[in-house]
Amino acid sequence: QVQSVSVIAQIPTPKDDLKLIKGIGPGLERKLQDVGIILFEQIADLSDLQIADLETNVVKFTGRIKRDDWIVQAEQLMNK
């Protein structure tokens, strides 16, 4: 039996606790979730262009993602 799309859409997607990454607090986690970033894997896969866009439009703090090493932290948390 095939589930309707509305039933599938209601299945909650598990979110990673982005606050485990140094430099991400509750407010910033909420902003990241608002733009669709809910997993460590998404942070680990960020390109330089995506990082620049995030820092300009979401984080509002240039250089923070690389300075706080979000990508390395996200990769380590993914492997736990």
PDB file of N, CA and C in Angstrom:
ATOM      1  N   GLN A   1       0.851  -1.190   0.000  1.00  0.00           N
ATOM      2  CA  GLN A   1       0.000   0.000   0.000  1.00  0.00           C
ATOM      3  C   GLN A   1       0.897   1.254   0.000  1.00  0.00           C
ATOM      4  N   VAL A   2       0.592   2.182  -0.877  1.00  0.00           N
ATOM      5  CA  VAL A   2       1.381   3.406  -1.012  1.00  0.00           C
ATOM      6  C   VAL A   2       0.808   4.485  -0.094  1.00  0.00           C
ATOM      7  N   GLN A   3       1.707   5.114   0.676  1.00  0.00           N
ATOM      8  CA  GLN A   3       1.258   6.210   1.545  1.00  0.00           C
ATOM      9  C   GLN A   3       1.055   7.467   0.711  1.00  0.00           C
ATOM     10  N   SER A   4       0.048   8.237   1.079  1.00  0.00           N
ATOM     11  CA  SER A   4      -0.146   9.501   0.378  1.00  0.00           C
ATOM     12  C   SER A   4       0.972  10.466   0.760  1.00  0.00           C
ATOM     13  N   VAL A   5       1.193  11.443  -0.087  1.00  0.00           N
ATOM     14  CA  VAL A   5       2.254  12.423   0.156  1.00  0.00           C
ATOM     15  C   VAL A   5       2.040  13.154   1.480  1.00  0.00           C
ATOM     16  N   SER A   6       0.799  13.462   1.812  1.00  0.00           N
ATOM     17  CA  SER A   6       0.537  14.209   3.043  1.00  0.00           C
ATOM     18  C   SER A   6       0.943  13.398   4.276  1.00  0.00           C
ATOM     19  N   VAL A   7       0.788  12.076   4.217  1.00  0.00           N
ATOM     20  CA  VAL A   7       1.198  11.228   5.337  1.00  0.00           C
ATOM     21  C   VAL A   7       2.719  11.218   5.441  1.00  0.00           C
ATOM     22  N   ILE A   8       3.392  11.094   4.301  1.00  0.00           N
ATOM     23  CA  ILE A   8       4.859  11.076   4.284  1.00  0.00           C
ATOM     24  C   ILE A   8       5.398  12.416   4.789  1.00  0.00           C
ATOM     25  N   ALA A   9       4.767  13.505   4.388  1.00  0.00           N
ATOM     26  CA  ALA A   9       5.224  14.839   4.774  1.00  0.00           C
ATOM     27  C   ALA A   9       5.118  15.058   6.286  1.00  0.00           C
ATOM     28  N   GLN A  10       4.282  14.278   6.945  1.00  0.00           N
ATOM     29  CA  GLN A  10       4.103  14.456   8.381  1.00  0.00           C
ATOM     30  C   GLN A  10       5.112  13.655   9.206  1.00  0.00           C
ATOM     31  N   ILE A  11       5.890  12.801   8.555  1.00  0.00           N
ATOM     32  CA  ILE A  11       6.902  12.032   9.273  1.00  0.00           C
ATOM     33  C   ILE A  11       8.015  12.998   9.686  1.00  0.00           C
ATOM     34  N   PRO A  12       8.253  13.140  10.993  1.00  0.00           N
ATOM     35  CA  PRO A  12       9.262  14.125  11.420  1.00  0.00           C
ATOM     36  C   PRO A  12      10.671  13.713  11.000  1.00  0.00           C
ATOM     37  N   THR A  13      11.424  14.675  10.535  1.00  0.00           N
ATOM     38  CA  THR A  13      12.812  14.432  10.172  1.00  0.00           C
ATOM     39  C   THR A  13      13.651  14.618  11.424  1.00  0.00           C
ATOM     40  N   PRO A  14      14.474  13.640  11.761  1.00  0.00           N
ATOM     41  CA  PRO A  14      15.322  13.833  12.939  1.00  0.00           C
ATOM     42  C   PRO A  14      16.328  14.957  12.677  1.00  0.00           C
ATOM     43  N   LYS A  15      16.498  15.812  13.662  1.00  0.00           N
ATOM     44  CA  LYS A  15      17.445  16.921  13.535  1.00  0.00           C
ATOM     45  C   LYS A  15      18.626  16.639  14.447  1.00  0.00           C
ATOM     46  N   ASP A  16      19.822  17.010  13.973  1.00  0.00           N
ATOM     47  CA  ASP A  16      20.993  16.924  14.837  1.00  0.00           C
ATOM     48  C   ASP A  16      20.978  18.108  15.791  1.00  0.00           C
ATOM     49  N   ASP A  17      21.612  17.947  16.936  1.00  0.00           N
ATOM     50  CA  ASP A  17      21.724  19.042  17.906  1.00  0.00           C
ATOM     51  C   ASP A  17      22.904  19.921  17.485  1.00  0.00           C
ATOM     52  N   LEU A  18      22.617  20.908  16.640  1.00  0.00           N
ATOM     53  CA  LEU A  18      23.678  21.762  16.084  1.00  0.00           C
ATOM     54  C   LEU A  18      24.406  22.537  17.168  1.00  0.00           C
ATOM     55  N   LYS A  19      23.785  22.675  18.345  1.00  0.00           N
ATOM     56  CA  LYS A  19      24.426  23.399  19.448  1.00  0.00           C
ATOM     57  C   LYS A  19      25.644  22.660  19.991  1.00  0.00           C
ATOM     58  N   LEU A  20      25.846  21.414  19.583  1.00  0.00           N
ATOM     59  CA  LEU A  20      27.044  20.673  19.991  1.00  0.00           C
ATOM     60  C   LEU A  20      28.291  21.222  19.294  1.00  0.00           C
ATOM     61  N   ILE A  21      28.081  22.010  18.247  1.00  0.00           N
ATOM     62  CA  ILE A  21      29.201  22.649  17.545  1.00  0.00           C
ATOM     63  C   ILE A  21      29.538  23.956  18.257  1.00  0.00           C
ATOM     64  N   LYS A  22      30.817  24.099  18.633  1.00  0.00           N
ATOM     65  CA  LYS A  22      31.272  25.319  19.300  1.00  0.00           C
ATOM     66  C   LYS A  22      30.986  26.510  18.390  1.00  0.00           C
ATOM     67  N   GLY A  23      30.328  27.527  18.945  1.00  0.00           N
ATOM     68  CA  GLY A  23      30.005  28.713  18.158  1.00  0.00           C
ATOM     69  C   GLY A  23      28.546  28.768  17.732  1.00  0.00           C
ATOM     70  N   ILE A  24      27.798  27.677  17.963  1.00  0.00           N
ATOM     71  CA  ILE A  24      26.368  27.668  17.628  1.00  0.00           C
ATOM     72  C   ILE A  24      25.564  27.579  18.919  1.00  0.00           C
ATOM     73  N   GLY A  25      24.836  28.642  19.203  1.00  0.00           N
ATOM     74  CA  GLY A  25      23.950  28.665  20.357  1.00  0.00           C
ATOM     75  C   GLY A  25      22.520  28.437  19.908  1.00  0.00           C
ATOM     76  N   PRO A  26      21.573  28.509  20.848  1.00  0.00           N
ATOM     77  CA  PRO A  26      20.162  28.257  20.504  1.00  0.00           C
ATOM     78  C   PRO A  26      19.620  29.192  19.416  1.00  0.00           C
ATOM     79  N   GLY A  27      19.955  30.472  19.481  1.00  0.00           N
ATOM     80  CA  GLY A  27      19.452  31.430  18.492  1.00  0.00           C
ATOM     81  C   GLY A  27      19.983  31.144  17.100  1.00  0.00           C
ATOM     82  N   LEU A  28      21.280  30.879  17.016  1.00  0.00           N
ATOM     83  CA  LEU A  28      21.899  30.595  15.719  1.00  0.00           C
ATOM     84  C   LEU A  28      21.418  29.251  15.173  1.00  0.00           C
ATOM     85  N   GLU A  29      21.227  28.280  16.068  1.00  0.00           N
ATOM     86  CA  GLU A  29      20.690  26.991  15.628  1.00  0.00           C
ATOM     87  C   GLU A  29      19.318  27.183  14.974  1.00  0.00           C
ATOM     88  N   ARG A  30      18.490  28.016  15.585  1.00  0.00           N
ATOM     89  CA  ARG A  30      17.151  28.283  15.055  1.00  0.00           C
ATOM     90  C   ARG A  30      17.247  28.945  13.675  1.00  0.00           C
ATOM     91  N   LYS A  31      18.163  29.899  13.525  1.00  0.00           N
ATOM     92  CA  LYS A  31      18.344  30.572  12.227  1.00  0.00           C
ATOM     93  C   LYS A  31      18.804  29.580  11.151  1.00  0.00           C
ATOM     94  N   LEU A  32      19.709  28.685  11.522  1.00  0.00           N
ATOM     95  CA  LEU A  32      20.187  27.683  10.565  1.00  0.00           C
ATOM     96  C   LEU A  32      19.048  26.749  10.169  1.00  0.00           C
ATOM     97  N   GLN A  33      18.245  26.338  11.150  1.00  0.00           N
ATOM     98  CA  GLN A  33      17.096  25.470  10.861  1.00  0.00           C
ATOM     99  C   GLN A  33      16.102  26.185   9.947  1.00  0.00           C
ATOM    100  N   ASP A  34      15.944  27.484  10.150  1.00  0.00           N
ATOM    101  CA  ASP A  34      15.016  28.261   9.323  1.00  0.00           C
ATOM    102  C   ASP A  34      15.413  28.253   7.845  1.00  0.00           C
ATOM    103  N   VAL A  35      16.710  28.133   7.574  1.00  0.00           N
ATOM    104  CA  VAL A  35      17.158  28.078   6.171  1.00  0.00           C
ATOM    105  C   VAL A  35      17.382  26.637   5.713  1.00  0.00           C
ATOM    106  N   GLY A  36      16.969  25.660   6.557  1.00  0.00           N
ATOM    107  CA  GLY A  36      16.992  24.264   6.140  1.00  0.00           C
ATOM    108  C   GLY A  36      18.194  23.455   6.586  1.00  0.00           C
ATOM    109  N   ILE A  37      19.082  24.047   7.375  1.00  0.00           N
ATOM    110  CA  ILE A  37      20.247  23.299   7.850  1.00  0.00           C
ATOM    111  C   ILE A  37      19.900  22.676   9.198  1.00  0.00           C
ATOM    112  N   ILE A  38      19.749  21.346   9.189  1.00  0.00           N
ATOM    113  CA  ILE A  38      19.336  20.636  10.401  1.00  0.00           C
ATOM    114  C   ILE A  38      20.266  19.473  10.742  1.00  0.00           C
ATOM    115  N   LEU A  39      21.246  19.200   9.888  1.00  0.00           N
ATOM    116  CA  LEU A  39      22.109  18.030  10.077  1.00  0.00           C
ATOM    117  C   LEU A  39      23.587  18.419  10.086  1.00  0.00           C
ATOM    118  N   PHE A  40      24.381  17.668  10.863  1.00  0.00           N
ATOM    119  CA  PHE A  40      25.835  17.864  10.860  1.00  0.00           C
ATOM    120  C   PHE A  40      26.376  17.669   9.442  1.00  0.00           C
ATOM    121  N   GLU A  41      25.816  16.696   8.722  1.00  0.00           N
ATOM    122  CA  GLU A  41      26.277  16.402   7.368  1.00  0.00           C
ATOM    123  C   GLU A  41      26.160  17.615   6.453  1.00  0.00           C
ATOM    124  N   GLN A  42      25.085  18.394   6.623  1.00  0.00           N
ATOM    125  CA  GLN A  42      24.906  19.589   5.786  1.00  0.00           C
ATOM    126  C   GLN A  42      26.004  20.608   6.077  1.00  0.00           C
ATOM    127  N   ILE A  43      26.386  20.751   7.332  1.00  0.00           N
ATOM    128  CA  ILE A  43      27.458  21.687   7.688  1.00  0.00           C
ATOM    129  C   ILE A  43      28.793  21.165   7.172  1.00  0.00           C
ATOM    130  N   ALA A  44      29.027  19.861   7.319  1.00  0.00           N
ATOM    131  CA  ALA A  44      30.284  19.266   6.852  1.00  0.00           C
ATOM    132  C   ALA A  44      30.467  19.432   5.349  1.00  0.00           C
ATOM    133  N   ASP A  45      29.366  19.493   4.608  1.00  0.00           N
ATOM    134  CA  ASP A  45      29.428  19.572   3.144  1.00  0.00           C
ATOM    135  C   ASP A  45      29.377  20.994   2.591  1.00  0.00           C
ATOM    136  N   LEU A  46      29.432  22.011   3.444  1.00  0.00           N
ATOM    137  CA  LEU A  46      29.339  23.397   2.966  1.00  0.00           C
ATOM    138  C   LEU A  46      30.515  23.758   2.065  1.00  0.00           C
ATOM    139  N   SER A  47      30.208  24.413   0.961  1.00  0.00           N
ATOM    140  CA  SER A  47      31.254  24.922   0.071  1.00  0.00           C
ATOM    141  C   SER A  47      31.653  26.327   0.545  1.00  0.00           C
ATOM    142  N   ASP A  48      32.763  26.824   0.015  1.00  0.00           N
ATOM    143  CA  ASP A  48      33.206  28.181   0.375  1.00  0.00           C
ATOM    144  C   ASP A  48      32.128  29.210   0.033  1.00  0.00           C
ATOM    145  N   LEU A  49      31.463  29.019  -1.104  1.00  0.00           N
ATOM    146  CA  LEU A  49      30.410  29.940  -1.531  1.00  0.00           C
ATOM    147  C   LEU A  49      29.227  29.894  -0.558  1.00  0.00           C
ATOM    148  N   GLN A  50      28.849  28.690  -0.147  1.00  0.00           N
ATOM    149  CA  GLN A  50      27.743  28.541   0.809  1.00  0.00           C
ATOM    150  C   GLN A  50      28.115  29.145   2.163  1.00  0.00           C
ATOM    151  N   ILE A  51      29.365  28.966   2.570  1.00  0.00           N
ATOM    152  CA  ILE A  51      29.830  29.548   3.838  1.00  0.00           C
ATOM    153  C   ILE A  51      29.737  31.070   3.777  1.00  0.00           C
ATOM    154  N   ALA A  52      30.192  31.660   2.673  1.00  0.00           N
ATOM    155  CA  ALA A  52      30.133  33.116   2.517  1.00  0.00           C
ATOM    156  C   ALA A  52      28.687  33.603   2.571  1.00  0.00           C
ATOM    157  N   ASP A  53      27.791  32.869   1.908  1.00  0.00           N
ATOM    158  CA  ASP A  53      26.371  33.234   1.892  1.00  0.00           C
ATOM    159  C   ASP A  53      25.771  33.131   3.301  1.00  0.00           C
ATOM    160  N   LEU A  54      26.076  32.042   3.989  1.00  0.00           N
ATOM    161  CA  LEU A  54      25.560  31.857   5.359  1.00  0.00           C
ATOM    162  C   LEU A  54      26.058  32.951   6.293  1.00  0.00           C
ATOM    163  N   GLU A  55      27.348  33.249   6.193  1.00  0.00           N
ATOM    164  CA  GLU A  55      27.922  34.259   7.091  1.00  0.00           C
ATOM    165  C   GLU A  55      27.334  35.644   6.820  1.00  0.00           C
ATOM    166  N   THR A  56      27.029  35.935   5.578  1.00  0.00           N
ATOM    167  CA  THR A  56      26.455  37.220   5.226  1.00  0.00           C
ATOM    168  C   THR A  56      24.991  37.326   5.633  1.00  0.00           C
ATOM    169  N   ASN A  57      24.223  36.273   5.375  1.00  0.00           N
ATOM    170  CA  ASN A  57      22.768  36.358   5.509  1.00  0.00           C
ATOM    171  C   ASN A  57      22.176  35.718   6.759  1.00  0.00           C
ATOM    172  N   VAL A  58      22.883  34.792   7.388  1.00  0.00           N
ATOM    173  CA  VAL A  58      22.313  34.069   8.526  1.00  0.00           C
ATOM    174  C   VAL A  58      23.135  34.300   9.795  1.00  0.00           C
ATOM    175  N   VAL A  59      24.420  33.974   9.727  1.00  0.00           N
ATOM    176  CA  VAL A  59      25.291  34.076  10.901  1.00  0.00           C
ATOM    177  C   VAL A  59      25.571  35.541  11.235  1.00  0.00           C
ATOM    178  N   LYS A  60      25.671  36.367  10.194  1.00  0.00           N
ATOM    179  CA  LYS A  60      25.974  37.802  10.328  1.00  0.00           C
ATOM    180  C   LYS A  60      27.317  38.031  11.040  1.00  0.00           C
ATOM    181  N   PHE A  61      28.284  37.164  10.737  1.00  0.00           N
ATOM    182  CA  PHE A  61      29.592  37.265  11.384  1.00  0.00           C
ATOM    183  C   PHE A  61      30.617  36.648  10.431  1.00  0.00           C
ATOM    184  N   THR A  62      31.303  37.483   9.650  1.00  0.00           N
ATOM    185  CA  THR A  62      32.245  37.007   8.646  1.00  0.00           C
ATOM    186  C   THR A  62      33.410  36.263   9.287  1.00  0.00           C
ATOM    187  N   GLY A  63      33.716  35.093   8.753  1.00  0.00           N
ATOM    188  CA  GLY A  63      34.858  34.308   9.204  1.00  0.00           C
ATOM    189  C   GLY A  63      34.558  33.355  10.346  1.00  0.00           C
ATOM    190  N   ARG A  64      33.376  33.432  10.891  1.00  0.00           N
ATOM    191  CA  ARG A  64      33.069  32.632  12.085  1.00  0.00           C
ATOM    192  C   ARG A  64      33.069  31.130  11.822  1.00  0.00           C
ATOM    193  N   ILE A  65      32.494  30.711  10.709  1.00  0.00           N
ATOM    194  CA  ILE A  65      32.365  29.278  10.435  1.00  0.00           C
ATOM    195  C   ILE A  65      33.736  28.614  10.345  1.00  0.00           C
ATOM    196  N   LYS A  66      34.656  29.259   9.640  1.00  0.00           N
ATOM    197  CA  LYS A  66      36.003  28.671   9.519  1.00  0.00           C
ATOM    198  C   LYS A  66      36.813  28.868  10.800  1.00  0.00           C
ATOM    199  N   ARG A  67      36.652  30.028  11.432  1.00  0.00           N
ATOM    200  CA  ARG A  67      37.402  30.289  12.664  1.00  0.00           C
ATOM    201  C   ARG A  67      37.038  29.289  13.752  1.00  0.00           C
ATOM    202  N   ASP A  68      35.742  29.003  13.867  1.00  0.00           N
ATOM    203  CA  ASP A  68      35.284  28.045  14.873  1.00  0.00           C
ATOM    204  C   ASP A  68      35.348  26.600  14.379  1.00  0.00           C
ATOM    205  N   ASP A  69      35.802  26.409  13.138  1.00  0.00           N
ATOM    206  CA  ASP A  69      36.002  25.060  12.583  1.00  0.00           C
ATOM    207  C   ASP A  69      34.729  24.219  12.566  1.00  0.00           C
ATOM    208  N   TRP A  70      33.625  24.826  12.151  1.00  0.00           N
ATOM    209  CA  TRP A  70      32.331  24.117  12.139  1.00  0.00           C
ATOM    210  C   TRP A  70      32.390  22.838  11.315  1.00  0.00           C
ATOM    211  N   ILE A  71      33.086  22.868  10.180  1.00  0.00           N
ATOM    212  CA  ILE A  71      33.090  21.720   9.271  1.00  0.00           C
ATOM    213  C   ILE A  71      33.779  20.523   9.925  1.00  0.00           C
ATOM    214  N   VAL A  72      34.944  20.749  10.528  1.00  0.00           N
ATOM    215  CA  VAL A  72      35.659  19.664  11.208  1.00  0.00           C
ATOM    216  C   VAL A  72      34.834  19.147  12.384  1.00  0.00           C
ATOM    217  N   GLN A  73      34.256  20.067  13.153  1.00  0.00           N
ATOM    218  CA  GLN A  73      33.423  19.651  14.286  1.00  0.00           C
ATOM    219  C   GLN A  73      32.231  18.822  13.813  1.00  0.00           C
ATOM    220  N   ALA A  74      31.586  19.257  12.735  1.00  0.00           N
ATOM    221  CA  ALA A  74      30.427  18.532  12.212  1.00  0.00           C
ATOM    222  C   ALA A  74      30.829  17.130  11.748  1.00  0.00           C
ATOM    223  N   GLU A  75      31.998  17.033  11.087  1.00  0.00           N
ATOM    224  CA  GLU A  75      32.472  15.713  10.640  1.00  0.00           C
ATOM    225  C   GLU A  75      32.726  14.806  11.830  1.00  0.00           C
ATOM    226  N   GLN A  76      33.330  15.337  12.894  1.00  0.00           N
ATOM    227  CA  GLN A  76      33.593  14.534  14.084  1.00  0.00           C
ATOM    228  C   GLN A  76      32.297  14.071  14.738  1.00  0.00           C
ATOM    229  N   LEU A  77      31.306  14.965  14.812  1.00  0.00           N
ATOM    230  CA  LEU A  77      30.029  14.617  15.418  1.00  0.00           C
ATOM    231  C   LEU A  77      29.257  13.595  14.577  1.00  0.00           C
ATOM    232  N   MET A  78      29.432  13.643  13.250  1.00  0.00           N
ATOM    233  CA  MET A  78      28.772  12.672  12.379  1.00  0.00           C
ATOM    234  C   MET A  78      29.302  11.271  12.632  1.00  0.00           C
ATOM    235  N   ASN A  79      30.572  11.175  12.984  1.00  0.00           N
ATOM    236  CA  ASN A  79      31.230   9.877  13.148  1.00  0.00           C
ATOM    237  C   ASN A  79      31.073   9.296  14.536  1.00  0.00           C
ATOM    238  N   LYS A  80      30.287   9.942  15.396  1.00  0.00           N
ATOM    239  CA  LYS A  80      30.101   9.424  16.755  1.00  0.00           C
ATOM    240  C   LYS A  80      29.005   8.393  16.778  1.00  0.00           C
TER     241      LYS A  80
END
